[in-house]
Amino acid sequence: MDIVVIGDSISFGLYDEKGGWAKRLFQDSTEKEQTIDFVNLSCPGATSKQVLSKLNSAIKVGMLHKEYTKVIMAYG
C-alpha cells in the first residue's frame, strides 16, 4: 500500500515533537512490519488551492497511479 498525505501544518506536524499524526501513522505501520511507501507532501500555511495543486502535481508525476494508493488530505 502507498500512502500520500497532502495538507498544511496539521498534517506536516508543525510544533509537534514527535512529527505529528502523519509521521506517527508511518511509524505505526513500520512497527507492524507492513510494507508501506509513505510520502508527506504537506506544507505549513498551505491553502486549499495549494493543496489541490500538490495533488494535481502528484498525479502528473505518477505518484497516484496505483489503485491501492491512499491519499489523505488534511488542512484547516
N, C-alpha and C. Protein backbone atom coordinates (compact mmCIF):
# COMPACT_ATOMS: atom_id res chain seq x y z
N MET A 1 0.84 -1.17 0.00
CA MET A 1 0.00 0.00 0.00
C MET A 1 0.89 1.23 0.00
N ASP A 2 0.47 2.26 -0.70
CA ASP A 2 1.13 3.55 -0.69
C ASP A 2 0.21 4.54 0.00
N ILE A 3 0.80 5.44 0.79
CA ILE A 3 0.03 6.50 1.43
C ILE A 3 0.68 7.83 1.08
N VAL A 4 -0.14 8.75 0.58
CA VAL A 4 0.30 10.10 0.27
C VAL A 4 -0.52 11.05 1.13
N VAL A 5 0.16 11.87 1.94
CA VAL A 5 -0.51 12.85 2.79
C VAL A 5 -0.25 14.22 2.20
N ILE A 6 -1.32 14.99 2.03
CA ILE A 6 -1.21 16.34 1.48
C ILE A 6 -2.02 17.26 2.37
N GLY A 7 -1.40 18.35 2.82
CA GLY A 7 -2.13 19.27 3.67
C GLY A 7 -1.30 20.44 4.13
N ASP A 8 -1.69 21.00 5.27
CA ASP A 8 -0.99 22.15 5.82
C ASP A 8 -0.25 21.73 7.09
N SER A 9 -0.07 22.65 8.02
CA SER A 9 0.70 22.36 9.23
C SER A 9 0.09 21.25 10.08
N ILE A 10 -1.22 21.03 9.95
CA ILE A 10 -1.87 19.96 10.70
C ILE A 10 -1.26 18.60 10.34
N SER A 11 -1.10 18.35 9.07
CA SER A 11 -0.54 17.07 8.64
C SER A 11 0.98 17.10 8.54
N PHE A 12 1.55 18.28 8.47
CA PHE A 12 3.01 18.41 8.47
C PHE A 12 3.59 18.07 9.84
N GLY A 13 2.83 18.37 10.90
CA GLY A 13 3.29 18.08 12.26
C GLY A 13 4.05 19.25 12.88
N LEU A 14 3.77 20.45 12.44
CA LEU A 14 4.45 21.63 12.95
C LEU A 14 4.24 21.75 14.46
N TYR A 15 5.31 21.99 15.16
CA TYR A 15 5.34 22.16 16.61
C TYR A 15 5.04 20.88 17.39
N ASP A 16 4.99 19.78 16.74
CA ASP A 16 4.79 18.50 17.43
C ASP A 16 6.14 17.82 17.53
N GLU A 17 6.60 17.58 18.74
CA GLU A 17 7.92 16.99 18.95
C GLU A 17 8.07 15.61 18.30
N LYS A 18 6.96 14.92 18.10
CA LYS A 18 7.01 13.59 17.51
C LYS A 18 6.67 13.59 16.03
N GLY A 19 6.50 14.76 15.43
CA GLY A 19 6.30 14.84 14.00
C GLY A 19 4.86 14.88 13.52
N GLY A 20 3.90 14.89 14.42
CA GLY A 20 2.50 14.97 14.01
C GLY A 20 1.89 13.62 13.71
N TRP A 21 0.60 13.66 13.40
CA TRP A 21 -0.14 12.41 13.20
C TRP A 21 0.32 11.65 11.96
N ALA A 22 0.74 12.35 10.93
CA ALA A 22 1.16 11.65 9.70
C ALA A 22 2.43 10.83 9.96
N LYS A 23 3.38 11.41 10.67
CA LYS A 23 4.60 10.67 10.98
C LYS A 23 4.30 9.50 11.91
N ARG A 24 3.38 9.70 12.84
CA ARG A 24 3.01 8.60 13.75
C ARG A 24 2.33 7.47 12.98
N LEU A 25 1.53 7.82 11.99
CA LEU A 25 0.90 6.80 11.15
C LEU A 25 1.96 5.97 10.45
N PHE A 26 2.97 6.63 9.89
CA PHE A 26 4.07 5.93 9.23
C PHE A 26 4.83 5.05 10.21
N GLN A 27 5.16 5.59 11.38
CA GLN A 27 5.91 4.82 12.36
C GLN A 27 5.13 3.61 12.84
N ASP A 28 3.83 3.78 13.03
CA ASP A 28 2.98 2.67 13.46
C ASP A 28 2.97 1.55 12.42
N SER A 29 2.92 1.93 11.15
CA SER A 29 2.88 0.91 10.10
C SER A 29 4.21 0.17 10.00
N THR A 30 5.32 0.87 10.22
CA THR A 30 6.62 0.20 10.14
C THR A 30 6.84 -0.71 11.34
N GLU A 31 6.29 -0.34 12.50
CA GLU A 31 6.40 -1.19 13.68
C GLU A 31 5.63 -2.49 13.49
N LYS A 32 4.56 -2.44 12.69
CA LYS A 32 3.76 -3.63 12.42
C LYS A 32 4.32 -4.41 11.23
N GLU A 33 5.48 -3.96 10.75
CA GLU A 33 6.19 -4.60 9.64
C GLU A 33 5.35 -4.70 8.38
N GLN A 34 4.54 -3.68 8.14
CA GLN A 34 3.77 -3.62 6.91
C GLN A 34 4.63 -2.92 5.85
N THR A 35 4.45 -3.31 4.62
CA THR A 35 5.17 -2.67 3.53
C THR A 35 4.36 -1.48 3.04
N ILE A 36 4.83 -0.29 3.40
CA ILE A 36 4.12 0.92 3.03
C ILE A 36 5.11 1.94 2.48
N ASP A 37 4.80 2.46 1.31
CA ASP A 37 5.53 3.61 0.80
C ASP A 37 4.75 4.83 1.26
N PHE A 38 5.42 5.69 2.01
CA PHE A 38 4.76 6.81 2.66
C PHE A 38 5.40 8.11 2.20
N VAL A 39 4.57 9.06 1.77
CA VAL A 39 5.06 10.38 1.35
C VAL A 39 4.19 11.44 2.00
N ASN A 40 4.83 12.41 2.65
CA ASN A 40 4.10 13.52 3.24
C ASN A 40 4.45 14.77 2.45
N LEU A 41 3.50 15.26 1.66
CA LEU A 41 3.70 16.44 0.82
C LEU A 41 3.12 17.70 1.47
N SER A 42 2.91 17.66 2.76
CA SER A 42 2.29 18.77 3.47
C SER A 42 3.26 19.93 3.64
N CYS A 43 2.68 21.13 3.74
CA CYS A 43 3.47 22.34 3.88
C CYS A 43 2.73 23.30 4.83
N PRO A 44 3.38 23.73 5.91
CA PRO A 44 2.72 24.67 6.81
C PRO A 44 2.24 25.92 6.06
N GLY A 45 1.02 26.31 6.35
CA GLY A 45 0.46 27.51 5.73
C GLY A 45 -0.18 27.29 4.38
N ALA A 46 -0.22 26.04 3.92
CA ALA A 46 -0.80 25.76 2.60
C ALA A 46 -2.30 26.07 2.58
N THR A 47 -2.73 26.66 1.49
CA THR A 47 -4.16 26.94 1.29
C THR A 47 -4.80 25.77 0.56
N SER A 48 -6.13 25.80 0.46
CA SER A 48 -6.82 24.72 -0.25
C SER A 48 -6.38 24.67 -1.72
N LYS A 49 -6.14 25.82 -2.33
CA LYS A 49 -5.66 25.84 -3.72
C LYS A 49 -4.29 25.19 -3.82
N GLN A 50 -3.41 25.47 -2.87
CA GLN A 50 -2.07 24.88 -2.89
C GLN A 50 -2.13 23.37 -2.66
N VAL A 51 -3.02 22.94 -1.79
CA VAL A 51 -3.17 21.50 -1.53
C VAL A 51 -3.66 20.80 -2.81
N LEU A 52 -4.64 21.37 -3.48
CA LEU A 52 -5.14 20.79 -4.73
C LEU A 52 -4.06 20.81 -5.82
N SER A 53 -3.26 21.86 -5.83
CA SER A 53 -2.16 21.94 -6.80
C SER A 53 -1.15 20.82 -6.55
N LYS A 54 -0.84 20.56 -5.27
CA LYS A 54 0.08 19.45 -4.95
C LYS A 54 -0.52 18.12 -5.36
N LEU A 55 -1.82 17.97 -5.18
CA LEU A 55 -2.49 16.74 -5.58
C LEU A 55 -2.38 16.56 -7.09
N ASN A 56 -2.64 17.61 -7.85
CA ASN A 56 -2.50 17.54 -9.31
C ASN A 56 -1.08 17.22 -9.72
N SER A 57 -0.10 17.80 -9.04
CA SER A 57 1.30 17.52 -9.35
C SER A 57 1.64 16.06 -9.07
N ALA A 58 1.13 15.53 -7.96
CA ALA A 58 1.38 14.13 -7.62
C ALA A 58 0.79 13.21 -8.67
N ILE A 59 -0.37 13.58 -9.22
CA ILE A 59 -0.99 12.78 -10.28
C ILE A 59 -0.13 12.83 -11.53
N LYS A 60 0.33 14.03 -11.89
CA LYS A 60 1.12 14.20 -13.11
C LYS A 60 2.43 13.43 -13.10
N VAL A 61 3.08 13.35 -11.93
CA VAL A 61 4.35 12.64 -11.87
C VAL A 61 4.18 11.14 -11.62
N GLY A 62 2.94 10.69 -11.52
CA GLY A 62 2.68 9.25 -11.41
C GLY A 62 2.67 8.70 -10.00
N MET A 63 2.61 9.56 -8.99
CA MET A 63 2.58 9.08 -7.61
C MET A 63 1.31 8.32 -7.27
N LEU A 64 0.23 8.62 -7.96
CA LEU A 64 -1.07 8.06 -7.61
C LEU A 64 -1.58 7.09 -8.66
N HIS A 65 -0.69 6.45 -9.38
CA HIS A 65 -1.11 5.58 -10.47
C HIS A 65 -1.56 4.20 -10.00
N LYS A 66 -1.22 3.83 -8.80
CA LYS A 66 -1.59 2.51 -8.32
C LYS A 66 -2.98 2.54 -7.71
N GLU A 67 -3.77 1.52 -7.96
CA GLU A 67 -5.14 1.50 -7.46
C GLU A 67 -5.20 1.37 -5.94
N TYR A 68 -4.11 0.95 -5.32
CA TYR A 68 -4.12 0.80 -3.87
C TYR A 68 -3.46 1.96 -3.14
N THR A 69 -3.20 3.06 -3.84
CA THR A 69 -2.66 4.26 -3.21
C THR A 69 -3.76 4.96 -2.43
N LYS A 70 -3.47 5.31 -1.20
CA LYS A 70 -4.41 6.05 -0.36
C LYS A 70 -3.92 7.49 -0.26
N VAL A 71 -4.82 8.44 -0.45
CA VAL A 71 -4.50 9.86 -0.34
C VAL A 71 -5.26 10.42 0.85
N ILE A 72 -4.53 11.05 1.75
CA ILE A 72 -5.14 11.69 2.90
C ILE A 72 -4.90 13.18 2.77
N MET A 73 -5.98 13.95 2.71
CA MET A 73 -5.88 15.41 2.63
C MET A 73 -6.37 15.98 3.96
N ALA A 74 -5.55 16.84 4.57
CA ALA A 74 -5.93 17.45 5.84
C ALA A 74 -5.42 18.88 5.90
N TYR A 75 -6.35 19.78 5.95
CA TYR A 75 -5.99 21.19 6.10
C TYR A 75 -7.17 21.91 6.72
N GLY A 76 -6.90 23.05 7.31
CA GLY A 76 -7.98 23.73 8.01
C GLY A 76 -8.15 25.17 7.64
